[in-house]
Amino acid sequence: MRLDKWLWHARFFKTRSLAARYVEKSRCRIDGRPVDKPHATVTPGMVLAFALGPNVRVVRVVALGERRGPAAEARTLYEVVESR
């Protein structure tokens, strides 16, 4: 699944285009590597790191999801590894 789509499904961003713009600015890392392409592939087990406001979020992808559902469903797509 595309990185921007997964970030949107997991409800880290309100729209997919906001997620894509964020990734294009190289503010996201997949398994420690900087990523600047919204179409980067995300699979379960990968670790994503990104800053949202003053907080740095490090999450492990647990599932990909089929739709952008309610917040309770979105929380099942990842587990928090670290949050500063």
PDB file of N, CA and C in Angstrom:
ATOM      1  N   MET A   1       0.852  -1.171   0.000  1.00  0.00           N
ATOM      2  CA  MET A   1       0.000   0.000   0.000  1.00  0.00           C
ATOM      3  C   MET A   1       0.902   1.240   0.000  1.00  0.00           C
ATOM      4  N   ARG A   2       0.440   2.282  -0.642  1.00  0.00           N
ATOM      5  CA  ARG A   2       1.175   3.549  -0.683  1.00  0.00           C
ATOM      6  C   ARG A   2       1.287   4.157   0.718  1.00  0.00           C
ATOM      7  N   LEU A   3       2.416   4.797   0.979  1.00  0.00           N
ATOM      8  CA  LEU A   3       2.645   5.421   2.279  1.00  0.00           C
ATOM      9  C   LEU A   3       1.613   6.499   2.583  1.00  0.00           C
ATOM     10  N   ASP A   4       1.330   7.369   1.620  1.00  0.00           N
ATOM     11  CA  ASP A   4       0.366   8.443   1.878  1.00  0.00           C
ATOM     12  C   ASP A   4      -1.026   7.892   2.171  1.00  0.00           C
ATOM     13  N   LYS A   5      -1.392   6.835   1.480  1.00  0.00           N
ATOM     14  CA  LYS A   5      -2.706   6.230   1.699  1.00  0.00           C
ATOM     15  C   LYS A   5      -2.778   5.580   3.082  1.00  0.00           C
ATOM     16  N   TRP A   6      -1.699   4.909   3.491  1.00  0.00           N
ATOM     17  CA  TRP A   6      -1.696   4.274   4.808  1.00  0.00           C
ATOM     18  C   TRP A   6      -1.775   5.320   5.914  1.00  0.00           C
ATOM     19  N   LEU A   7      -1.013   6.410   5.794  1.00  0.00           N
ATOM     20  CA  LEU A   7      -1.057   7.476   6.801  1.00  0.00           C
ATOM     21  C   LEU A   7      -2.460   8.066   6.916  1.00  0.00           C
ATOM     22  N   TRP A   8      -3.144   8.162   5.796  1.00  0.00           N
ATOM     23  CA  TRP A   8      -4.520   8.668   5.781  1.00  0.00           C
ATOM     24  C   TRP A   8      -5.471   7.647   6.414  1.00  0.00           C
ATOM     25  N   HIS A   9      -5.329   6.363   6.054  1.00  0.00           N
ATOM     26  CA  HIS A   9      -6.167   5.305   6.646  1.00  0.00           C
ATOM     27  C   HIS A   9      -5.986   5.251   8.159  1.00  0.00           C
ATOM     28  N   ALA A  10      -4.745   5.437   8.620  1.00  0.00           N
ATOM     29  CA  ALA A  10      -4.450   5.356  10.053  1.00  0.00           C
ATOM     30  C   ALA A  10      -4.827   6.644  10.786  1.00  0.00           C
ATOM     31  N   ARG A  11      -5.370   7.608  10.051  1.00  0.00           N
ATOM     32  CA  ARG A  11      -5.882   8.867  10.605  1.00  0.00           C
ATOM     33  C   ARG A  11      -4.815   9.770  11.212  1.00  0.00           C
ATOM     34  N   PHE A  12      -3.599   9.714  10.668  1.00  0.00           N
ATOM     35  CA  PHE A  12      -2.579  10.669  11.080  1.00  0.00           C
ATOM     36  C   PHE A  12      -2.768  11.986  10.335  1.00  0.00           C
ATOM     37  N   PHE A  13      -3.440  11.934   9.170  1.00  0.00           N
ATOM     38  CA  PHE A  13      -3.714  13.126   8.373  1.00  0.00           C
ATOM     39  C   PHE A  13      -5.178  13.147   7.973  1.00  0.00           C
ATOM     40  N   LYS A  14      -5.729  14.349   7.874  1.00  0.00           N
ATOM     41  CA  LYS A  14      -7.144  14.508   7.558  1.00  0.00           C
ATOM     42  C   LYS A  14      -7.456  14.162   6.106  1.00  0.00           C
ATOM     43  N   THR A  15      -6.519  14.451   5.188  1.00  0.00           N
ATOM     44  CA  THR A  15      -6.722  14.121   3.776  1.00  0.00           C
ATOM     45  C   THR A  15      -5.489  13.410   3.234  1.00  0.00           C
ATOM     46  N   ARG A  16      -5.684  12.663   2.173  1.00  0.00           N
ATOM     47  CA  ARG A  16      -4.570  11.957   1.554  1.00  0.00           C
ATOM     48  C   ARG A  16      -3.598  12.937   0.911  1.00  0.00           C
ATOM     49  N   SER A  17      -4.106  14.034   0.356  1.00  0.00           N
ATOM     50  CA  SER A  17      -3.214  15.009  -0.272  1.00  0.00           C
ATOM     51  C   SER A  17      -2.320  15.688   0.773  1.00  0.00           C
ATOM     52  N   LEU A  18      -2.819  15.913   1.982  1.00  0.00           N
ATOM     53  CA  LEU A  18      -1.974  16.450   3.054  1.00  0.00           C
ATOM     54  C   LEU A  18      -0.871  15.456   3.412  1.00  0.00           C
ATOM     55  N   ALA A  19      -1.209  14.184   3.466  1.00  0.00           N
ATOM     56  CA  ALA A  19      -0.219  13.148   3.757  1.00  0.00           C
ATOM     57  C   ALA A  19       0.838  13.102   2.660  1.00  0.00           C
ATOM     58  N   ALA A  20       0.418  13.209   1.402  1.00  0.00           N
ATOM     59  CA  ALA A  20       1.358  13.178   0.279  1.00  0.00           C
ATOM     60  C   ALA A  20       2.314  14.368   0.337  1.00  0.00           C
ATOM     61  N   ARG A  21       1.794  15.558   0.603  1.00  0.00           N
ATOM     62  CA  ARG A  21       2.645  16.752   0.695  1.00  0.00           C
ATOM     63  C   ARG A  21       3.642  16.630   1.842  1.00  0.00           C
ATOM     64  N   TYR A  22       3.204  16.066   2.952  1.00  0.00           N
ATOM     65  CA  TYR A  22       4.078  15.879   4.105  1.00  0.00           C
ATOM     66  C   TYR A  22       5.235  14.949   3.748  1.00  0.00           C
ATOM     67  N   VAL A  23       4.941  13.835   3.094  1.00  0.00           N
ATOM     68  CA  VAL A  23       5.971  12.866   2.718  1.00  0.00           C
ATOM     69  C   VAL A  23       6.934  13.476   1.700  1.00  0.00           C
ATOM     70  N   GLU A  24       6.419  14.260   0.751  1.00  0.00           N
ATOM     71  CA  GLU A  24       7.273  14.881  -0.269  1.00  0.00           C
ATOM     72  C   GLU A  24       8.315  15.814   0.337  1.00  0.00           C
ATOM     73  N   LYS A  25       8.043  16.345   1.501  1.00  0.00           N
ATOM     74  CA  LYS A  25       8.997  17.237   2.168  1.00  0.00           C
ATOM     75  C   LYS A  25      10.039  16.451   2.969  1.00  0.00           C
ATOM     76  N   SER A  26      10.120  15.125   2.758  1.00  0.00           N
ATOM     77  CA  SER A  26      11.086  14.235   3.422  1.00  0.00           C
ATOM     78  C   SER A  26      10.995  14.290   4.938  1.00  0.00           C
ATOM     79  N   ARG A  27       9.805  14.332   5.437  1.00  0.00           N
ATOM     80  CA  ARG A  27       9.630  14.370   6.885  1.00  0.00           C
ATOM     81  C   ARG A  27       9.266  13.004   7.454  1.00  0.00           C
ATOM     82  N   CYS A  28       9.431  11.976   6.663  1.00  0.00           N
ATOM     83  CA  CYS A  28       9.026  10.641   7.080  1.00  0.00           C
ATOM     84  C   CYS A  28      10.179   9.668   6.835  1.00  0.00           C
ATOM     85  N   ARG A  29      10.282   8.667   7.699  1.00  0.00           N
ATOM     86  CA  ARG A  29      11.299   7.625   7.525  1.00  0.00           C
ATOM     87  C   ARG A  29      10.624   6.258   7.594  1.00  0.00           C
ATOM     88  N   ILE A  30      11.090   5.365   6.740  1.00  0.00           N
ATOM     89  CA  ILE A  30      10.642   3.973   6.770  1.00  0.00           C
ATOM     90  C   ILE A  30      11.856   3.135   7.126  1.00  0.00           C
ATOM     91  N   ASP A  31      11.780   2.421   8.232  1.00  0.00           N
ATOM     92  CA  ASP A  31      12.892   1.605   8.723  1.00  0.00           C
ATOM     93  C   ASP A  31      14.198   2.396   8.768  1.00  0.00           C
ATOM     94  N   GLY A  32      14.114   3.664   9.182  1.00  0.00           N
ATOM     95  CA  GLY A  32      15.297   4.497   9.341  1.00  0.00           C
ATOM     96  C   GLY A  32      15.768   5.230   8.098  1.00  0.00           C
ATOM     97  N   ARG A  33      15.186   4.933   6.933  1.00  0.00           N
ATOM     98  CA  ARG A  33      15.585   5.593   5.685  1.00  0.00           C
ATOM     99  C   ARG A  33      14.641   6.745   5.376  1.00  0.00           C
ATOM    100  N   PRO A  34      15.184   7.936   5.051  1.00  0.00           N
ATOM    101  CA  PRO A  34      14.310   9.050   4.665  1.00  0.00           C
ATOM    102  C   PRO A  34      13.535   8.717   3.391  1.00  0.00           C
ATOM    103  N   VAL A  35      12.280   9.110   3.354  1.00  0.00           N
ATOM    104  CA  VAL A  35      11.419   8.846   2.203  1.00  0.00           C
ATOM    105  C   VAL A  35      10.825  10.166   1.736  1.00  0.00           C
ATOM    106  N   ASP A  36      10.862  10.413   0.417  1.00  0.00           N
ATOM    107  CA  ASP A  36      10.262  11.637  -0.114  1.00  0.00           C
ATOM    108  C   ASP A  36       9.274  11.351  -1.238  1.00  0.00           C
ATOM    109  N   LYS A  37       8.886  10.096  -1.388  1.00  0.00           N
ATOM    110  CA  LYS A  37       7.920   9.701  -2.415  1.00  0.00           C
ATOM    111  C   LYS A  37       6.661   9.152  -1.749  1.00  0.00           C
ATOM    112  N   PRO A  38       5.515   9.795  -1.975  1.00  0.00           N
ATOM    113  CA  PRO A  38       4.267   9.323  -1.366  1.00  0.00           C
ATOM    114  C   PRO A  38       3.883   7.910  -1.801  1.00  0.00           C
ATOM    115  N   HIS A  39       4.406   7.467  -2.951  1.00  0.00           N
ATOM    116  CA  HIS A  39       4.044   6.137  -3.440  1.00  0.00           C
ATOM    117  C   HIS A  39       4.943   5.037  -2.875  1.00  0.00           C
ATOM    118  N   ALA A  40       5.815   5.360  -1.906  1.00  0.00           N
ATOM    119  CA  ALA A  40       6.652   4.341  -1.275  1.00  0.00           C
ATOM    120  C   ALA A  40       5.745   3.258  -0.683  1.00  0.00           C
ATOM    121  N   THR A  41       6.170   2.016  -0.816  1.00  0.00           N
ATOM    122  CA  THR A  41       5.354   0.886  -0.374  1.00  0.00           C
ATOM    123  C   THR A  41       5.508   0.633   1.125  1.00  0.00           C
ATOM    124  N   VAL A  42       4.379   0.416   1.775  1.00  0.00           N
ATOM    125  CA  VAL A  42       4.346   0.097   3.203  1.00  0.00           C
ATOM    126  C   VAL A  42       3.789  -1.313   3.350  1.00  0.00           C
ATOM    127  N   THR A  43       4.461  -2.124   4.168  1.00  0.00           N
ATOM    128  CA  THR A  43       3.991  -3.480   4.443  1.00  0.00           C
ATOM    129  C   THR A  43       3.993  -3.697   5.958  1.00  0.00           C
ATOM    130  N   PRO A  44       3.201  -4.641   6.447  1.00  0.00           N
ATOM    131  CA  PRO A  44       3.191  -4.919   7.886  1.00  0.00           C
ATOM    132  C   PRO A  44       4.594  -5.273   8.383  1.00  0.00           C
ATOM    133  N   GLY A  45       4.928  -4.762   9.554  1.00  0.00           N
ATOM    134  CA  GLY A  45       6.237  -5.004  10.144  1.00  0.00           C
ATOM    135  C   GLY A  45       7.196  -3.835   9.987  1.00  0.00           C
ATOM    136  N   MET A  46       6.926  -2.949   9.047  1.00  0.00           N
ATOM    137  CA  MET A  46       7.791  -1.784   8.837  1.00  0.00           C
ATOM    138  C   MET A  46       7.619  -0.795   9.985  1.00  0.00           C
ATOM    139  N   VAL A  47       8.684  -0.052  10.264  1.00  0.00           N
ATOM    140  CA  VAL A  47       8.655   0.971  11.308  1.00  0.00           C
ATOM    141  C   VAL A  47       8.701   2.335  10.635  1.00  0.00           C
ATOM    142  N   LEU A  48       7.712   3.173  10.937  1.00  0.00           N
ATOM    143  CA  LEU A  48       7.627   4.523  10.382  1.00  0.00           C
ATOM    144  C   LEU A  48       7.941   5.531  11.474  1.00  0.00           C
ATOM    145  N   ALA A  49       8.704   6.560  11.123  1.00  0.00           N
ATOM    146  CA  ALA A  49       9.005   7.647  12.053  1.00  0.00           C
ATOM    147  C   ALA A  49       8.661   8.958  11.367  1.00  0.00           C
ATOM    148  N   PHE A  50       7.936   9.812  12.074  1.00  0.00           N
ATOM    149  CA  PHE A  50       7.567  11.111  11.517  1.00  0.00           C
ATOM    150  C   PHE A  50       7.194  12.045  12.657  1.00  0.00           C
ATOM    151  N   ALA A  51       7.318  13.338  12.393  1.00  0.00           N
ATOM    152  CA  ALA A  51       6.992  14.350  13.395  1.00  0.00           C
ATOM    153  C   ALA A  51       5.638  14.952  13.068  1.00  0.00           C
ATOM    154  N   LEU A  52       4.784  15.022  14.067  1.00  0.00           N
ATOM    155  CA  LEU A  52       3.494  15.699  13.939  1.00  0.00           C
ATOM    156  C   LEU A  52       3.457  16.784  14.997  1.00  0.00           C
ATOM    157  N   GLY A  53       3.569  18.017  14.552  1.00  0.00           N
ATOM    158  CA  GLY A  53       3.659  19.118  15.499  1.00  0.00           C
ATOM    159  C   GLY A  53       4.947  18.979  16.292  1.00  0.00           C
ATOM    160  N   PRO A  54       4.886  19.157  17.605  1.00  0.00           N
ATOM    161  CA  PRO A  54       6.101  19.037  18.420  1.00  0.00           C
ATOM    162  C   PRO A  54       6.452  17.585  18.768  1.00  0.00           C
ATOM    163  N   ASN A  55       5.615  16.641  18.389  1.00  0.00           N
ATOM    164  CA  ASN A  55       5.812  15.235  18.755  1.00  0.00           C
ATOM    165  C   ASN A  55       6.424  14.428  17.620  1.00  0.00           C
ATOM    166  N   VAL A  56       7.357  13.542  17.976  1.00  0.00           N
ATOM    167  CA  VAL A  56       7.912  12.588  17.016  1.00  0.00           C
ATOM    168  C   VAL A  56       7.221  11.259  17.276  1.00  0.00           C
ATOM    169  N   ARG A  57       6.618  10.700  16.246  1.00  0.00           N
ATOM    170  CA  ARG A  57       5.905   9.423  16.380  1.00  0.00           C
ATOM    171  C   ARG A  57       6.714   8.329  15.703  1.00  0.00           C
ATOM    172  N   VAL A  58       6.892   7.218  16.375  1.00  0.00           N
ATOM    173  CA  VAL A  58       7.517   6.035  15.798  1.00  0.00           C
ATOM    174  C   VAL A  58       6.502   4.918  15.968  1.00  0.00           C
ATOM    175  N   VAL A  59       6.012   4.395  14.849  1.00  0.00           N
ATOM    176  CA  VAL A  59       4.975   3.363  14.888  1.00  0.00           C
ATOM    177  C   VAL A  59       5.368   2.178  14.018  1.00  0.00           C
ATOM    178  N   ARG A  60       4.912   1.000  14.412  1.00  0.00           N
ATOM    179  CA  ARG A  60       5.114  -0.212  13.620  1.00  0.00           C
ATOM    180  C   ARG A  60       3.803  -0.520  12.911  1.00  0.00           C
ATOM    181  N   VAL A  61       3.878  -0.749  11.609  1.00  0.00           N
ATOM    182  CA  VAL A  61       2.695  -1.071  10.812  1.00  0.00           C
ATOM    183  C   VAL A  61       2.269  -2.495  11.156  1.00  0.00           C
ATOM    184  N   VAL A  62       1.032  -2.655  11.615  1.00  0.00           N
ATOM    185  CA  VAL A  62       0.496  -3.968  11.980  1.00  0.00           C
ATOM    186  C   VAL A  62      -0.371  -4.511  10.851  1.00  0.00           C
ATOM    187  N   ALA A  63      -1.172  -3.635  10.243  1.00  0.00           N
ATOM    188  CA  ALA A  63      -2.074  -4.034   9.159  1.00  0.00           C
ATOM    189  C   ALA A  63      -2.194  -2.884   8.172  1.00  0.00           C
ATOM    190  N   LEU A  64      -2.702  -3.191   6.981  1.00  0.00           N
ATOM    191  CA  LEU A  64      -2.827  -2.169   5.948  1.00  0.00           C
ATOM    192  C   LEU A  64      -4.199  -1.520   5.914  1.00  0.00           C
ATOM    193  N   GLY A  65      -5.228  -2.236   6.193  1.00  0.00           N
ATOM    194  CA  GLY A  65      -6.578  -1.666   6.167  1.00  0.00           C
ATOM    195  C   GLY A  65      -7.123  -1.580   4.754  1.00  0.00           C
ATOM    196  N   GLU A  66      -8.428  -1.628   4.653  1.00  0.00           N
ATOM    197  CA  GLU A  66      -9.084  -1.574   3.346  1.00  0.00           C
ATOM    198  C   GLU A  66      -9.830  -0.272   3.127  1.00  0.00           C
ATOM    199  N   ARG A  67     -10.053   0.475   4.218  1.00  0.00           N
ATOM    200  CA  ARG A  67     -10.792   1.732   4.097  1.00  0.00           C
ATOM    201  C   ARG A  67     -10.371   2.646   5.238  1.00  0.00           C
ATOM    202  N   ARG A  68     -10.772   3.897   5.145  1.00  0.00           N
ATOM    203  CA  ARG A  68     -10.523   4.841   6.231  1.00  0.00           C
ATOM    204  C   ARG A  68     -11.734   4.795   7.147  1.00  0.00           C
ATOM    205  N   GLY A  69     -11.634   3.990   8.167  1.00  0.00           N
ATOM    206  CA  GLY A  69     -12.758   3.790   9.064  1.00  0.00           C
ATOM    207  C   GLY A  69     -12.688   4.693  10.279  1.00  0.00           C
ATOM    208  N   PRO A  70     -13.477   4.369  11.300  1.00  0.00           N
ATOM    209  CA  PRO A  70     -13.480   5.158  12.532  1.00  0.00           C
ATOM    210  C   PRO A  70     -12.133   5.059  13.264  1.00  0.00           C
ATOM    211  N   ALA A  71     -11.933   5.953  14.222  1.00  0.00           N
ATOM    212  CA  ALA A  71     -10.663   6.020  14.943  1.00  0.00           C
ATOM    213  C   ALA A  71     -10.302   4.693  15.616  1.00  0.00           C
ATOM    214  N   ALA A  72     -11.284   4.004  16.157  1.00  0.00           N
ATOM    215  CA  ALA A  72     -11.021   2.718  16.814  1.00  0.00           C
ATOM    216  C   ALA A  72     -10.450   1.707  15.822  1.00  0.00           C
ATOM    217  N   GLU A  73     -10.957   1.723  14.610  1.00  0.00           N
ATOM    218  CA  GLU A  73     -10.454   0.822  13.566  1.00  0.00           C
ATOM    219  C   GLU A  73      -9.056   1.251  13.121  1.00  0.00           C
ATOM    220  N   ALA A  74      -8.820   2.544  13.043  1.00  0.00           N
ATOM    221  CA  ALA A  74      -7.517   3.065  12.612  1.00  0.00           C
ATOM    222  C   ALA A  74      -6.418   2.674  13.599  1.00  0.00           C
ATOM    223  N   ARG A  75      -6.730   2.645  14.888  1.00  0.00           N
ATOM    224  CA  ARG A  75      -5.724   2.288  15.895  1.00  0.00           C
ATOM    225  C   ARG A  75      -5.258   0.845  15.772  1.00  0.00           C
ATOM    226  N   THR A  76      -6.019  -0.006  15.100  1.00  0.00           N
ATOM    227  CA  THR A  76      -5.604  -1.401  14.930  1.00  0.00           C
ATOM    228  C   THR A  76      -4.589  -1.555  13.799  1.00  0.00           C
ATOM    229  N   LEU A  77      -4.340  -0.502  13.041  1.00  0.00           N
ATOM    230  CA  LEU A  77      -3.408  -0.571  11.916  1.00  0.00           C
ATOM    231  C   LEU A  77      -1.953  -0.415  12.344  1.00  0.00           C
ATOM    232  N   TYR A  78      -1.710   0.057  13.570  1.00  0.00           N
ATOM    233  CA  TYR A  78      -0.340   0.306  14.016  1.00  0.00           C
ATOM    234  C   TYR A  78      -0.213   0.114  15.521  1.00  0.00           C
ATOM    235  N   GLU A  79       1.036  -0.027  15.963  1.00  0.00           N
ATOM    236  CA  GLU A  79       1.332  -0.013  17.392  1.00  0.00           C
ATOM    237  C   GLU A  79       2.423   1.026  17.611  1.00  0.00           C
ATOM    238  N   VAL A  80       2.288   1.787  18.662  1.00  0.00           N
ATOM    239  CA  VAL A  80       3.247   2.849  18.956  1.00  0.00           C
ATOM    240  C   VAL A  80       4.517   2.227  19.528  1.00  0.00           C
ATOM    241  N   VAL A  81       5.645   2.520  18.886  1.00  0.00           N
ATOM    242  CA  VAL A  81       6.937   2.050  19.371  1.00  0.00           C
ATOM    243  C   VAL A  81       7.509   3.095  20.315  1.00  0.00           C
ATOM    244  N   GLU A  82       7.383   4.365  19.890  1.00  0.00           N
ATOM    245  CA  GLU A  82       7.920   5.462  20.686  1.00  0.00           C
ATOM    246  C   GLU A  82       7.188   6.739  20.319  1.00  0.00           C
ATOM    247  N   SER A  83       6.962   7.571  21.296  1.00  0.00           N
ATOM    248  CA  SER A  83       6.337   8.869  21.053  1.00  0.00           C
ATOM    249  C   SER A  83       6.993   9.883  21.974  1.00  0.00           C
ATOM    250  N   ARG A  84       7.647  10.885  21.367  1.00  0.00           N
ATOM    251  CA  ARG A  84       8.344  11.909  22.165  1.00  0.00           C
ATOM    252  C   ARG A  84       7.670  13.229  22.013  1.00  0.00           C
TER     253      ARG A  84
END
